[in-house]
């Protein structure tokens, strides 16, 4: 017996449809997202308190931010991420582009990263 939760079950169902020839795998994004699990901190652009979250997908143009916080479409947020071996976290100014994902919000990077602090 195989047990899956939420989006994992939908992904398995989709792959089954592809294997049976009833669906095709068409790219939906310009930039391919890579699966990752990265602990980050983020805040709203008008706030100073950082909240913990996880990024589960990332590309050169955006990421999937796993958080229970209610985000608004078009809202500007600041993501702090520490690269492997990095001395200080980088701040990424991002804009919320999708709030319909069942596990979080999708955000696109709107400018270059700058060192935090």
Protein backbone atom coordinates (compact mmCIF):
# COMPACT_ATOMS: atom_id res chain seq x y z
CA UNK A 1 0.00 0.00 0.00
CA UNK A 2 1.29 3.45 -0.92
CA UNK A 3 0.32 6.47 1.19
CA UNK A 4 0.88 10.02 0.03
CA UNK A 5 -0.21 13.39 1.28
CA UNK A 6 -1.68 16.36 -0.59
CA UNK A 7 0.27 17.40 -3.64
CA UNK A 8 2.38 14.22 -3.67
CA UNK A 9 -0.72 12.14 -4.43
CA UNK A 10 -1.72 14.51 -7.27
CA UNK A 11 1.80 14.24 -8.70
CA UNK A 12 1.66 10.43 -8.66
CA UNK A 13 -1.77 10.47 -10.32
CA UNK A 14 -0.43 12.78 -13.04
CA UNK A 15 2.60 10.54 -13.66
CA UNK A 16 0.24 7.55 -13.96
CA UNK A 17 -1.78 9.41 -16.60
CA UNK A 18 1.44 10.23 -18.50
CA UNK A 19 2.54 6.57 -18.35
CA UNK A 20 -0.82 5.46 -19.74
CA UNK A 21 -0.57 7.98 -22.57
CA UNK A 22 -3.55 10.01 -21.38
CA UNK A 23 -1.54 13.14 -20.50
CA UNK A 24 1.58 14.85 -21.74
CA UNK A 25 4.30 16.63 -19.83
CA UNK A 26 4.29 20.15 -21.23
CA UNK A 27 6.59 22.75 -19.64
CA UNK A 28 4.65 25.41 -17.73
CA UNK A 29 7.49 27.77 -16.88
CA UNK A 30 10.25 29.57 -18.74
CA UNK A 31 12.73 28.58 -16.03
CA UNK A 32 12.95 24.98 -14.86
CA UNK A 33 12.40 24.64 -11.11
CA UNK A 34 14.61 22.29 -9.15
CA UNK A 35 13.36 20.41 -6.07
CA UNK A 36 15.14 21.49 -2.88
CA UNK A 37 14.46 21.68 0.85
CA UNK A 38 16.05 24.86 2.17
CA UNK A 39 15.21 26.47 5.49
CA UNK A 40 14.94 30.25 5.09
CA UNK A 41 13.62 33.28 6.92
CA UNK A 42 11.34 35.88 5.36
CA UNK A 43 9.44 39.04 6.20
CA UNK A 44 6.95 41.38 4.61
CA UNK A 45 8.64 44.40 3.02
CA UNK A 46 7.03 46.74 5.59
CA UNK A 47 7.92 44.57 8.62
CA UNK A 48 11.08 43.80 10.55
CA UNK A 49 10.18 40.45 12.17
CA UNK A 50 11.58 37.44 10.29
CA UNK A 51 9.46 34.29 10.02
CA UNK A 52 10.76 30.76 9.37
CA UNK A 53 9.75 28.92 6.19
CA UNK A 54 11.02 26.36 3.70
CA UNK A 55 11.67 26.62 -0.02
CA UNK A 56 10.76 23.36 -1.80
CA UNK A 57 11.32 24.41 -5.43
CA UNK A 58 13.70 27.02 -6.85
CA UNK A 59 14.72 28.45 -10.22
CA UNK A 60 16.63 31.49 -11.41
CA UNK A 61 13.36 33.43 -11.50
CA UNK A 62 11.37 32.20 -8.50
CA UNK A 63 10.66 29.74 -5.72
CA UNK A 64 7.90 27.92 -3.87
CA UNK A 65 7.78 29.21 -0.31
CA UNK A 66 6.17 26.79 2.18
CA UNK A 67 4.53 28.86 4.89
CA UNK A 68 1.28 28.97 6.83
CA UNK A 69 1.27 32.77 6.77
CA UNK A 70 -1.44 34.31 4.64
CA UNK A 71 0.26 36.05 1.72
CA UNK A 72 -1.44 38.33 -0.78
CA UNK A 73 -1.02 38.16 -4.53
CA UNK A 74 1.38 40.94 -5.59
CA UNK A 75 2.71 41.45 -2.06
CA UNK A 76 6.41 42.28 -1.81
CA UNK A 77 8.40 40.09 0.60
CA UNK A 78 12.05 39.84 1.61
CA UNK A 79 13.59 36.35 1.71
CA UNK A 80 16.81 35.74 3.65
CA UNK A 81 18.75 32.73 2.44
CA UNK A 82 22.20 31.57 3.48
CA UNK A 83 24.18 29.87 0.73
CA UNK A 84 26.33 26.84 1.60
CA UNK A 85 29.55 28.18 3.09
CA UNK A 86 28.14 31.72 3.14
CA UNK A 87 29.14 33.97 6.04
CA UNK A 88 25.98 36.11 5.92
CA UNK A 89 22.49 35.55 4.54
CA UNK A 90 21.47 37.17 1.27
CA UNK A 91 18.28 39.22 1.02
CA UNK A 92 16.10 38.64 -2.02
CA UNK A 93 13.30 41.06 -2.74
CA UNK A 94 10.46 38.98 -4.17
CA UNK A 95 6.85 39.39 -5.25
CA UNK A 96 4.11 36.85 -4.45
CA UNK A 97 2.85 35.52 -7.81
CA UNK A 98 0.63 32.59 -6.80
CA UNK A 99 -1.27 31.96 -3.58
CA UNK A 100 -3.37 29.02 -4.81
CA UNK A 101 -0.72 26.35 -4.19
CA UNK A 102 -1.96 24.00 -1.44
CA UNK A 103 1.37 24.05 0.41
CA UNK A 104 2.47 27.67 0.18
CA UNK A 105 3.00 30.65 -2.11
CA UNK A 106 5.02 31.08 -5.28
CA UNK A 107 7.26 34.14 -5.40
CA UNK A 108 9.36 35.62 -8.18
CA UNK A 109 12.62 37.44 -7.64
CA UNK A 110 12.31 41.08 -8.60
CA UNK A 111 15.90 42.23 -8.05
CA UNK A 112 19.43 41.07 -7.35
CA UNK A 113 20.44 39.63 -4.01
CA UNK A 114 22.19 41.85 -1.48
CA UNK A 115 23.95 40.85 1.76
CA UNK A 116 21.62 41.08 4.78
CA UNK A 117 22.49 43.34 7.68
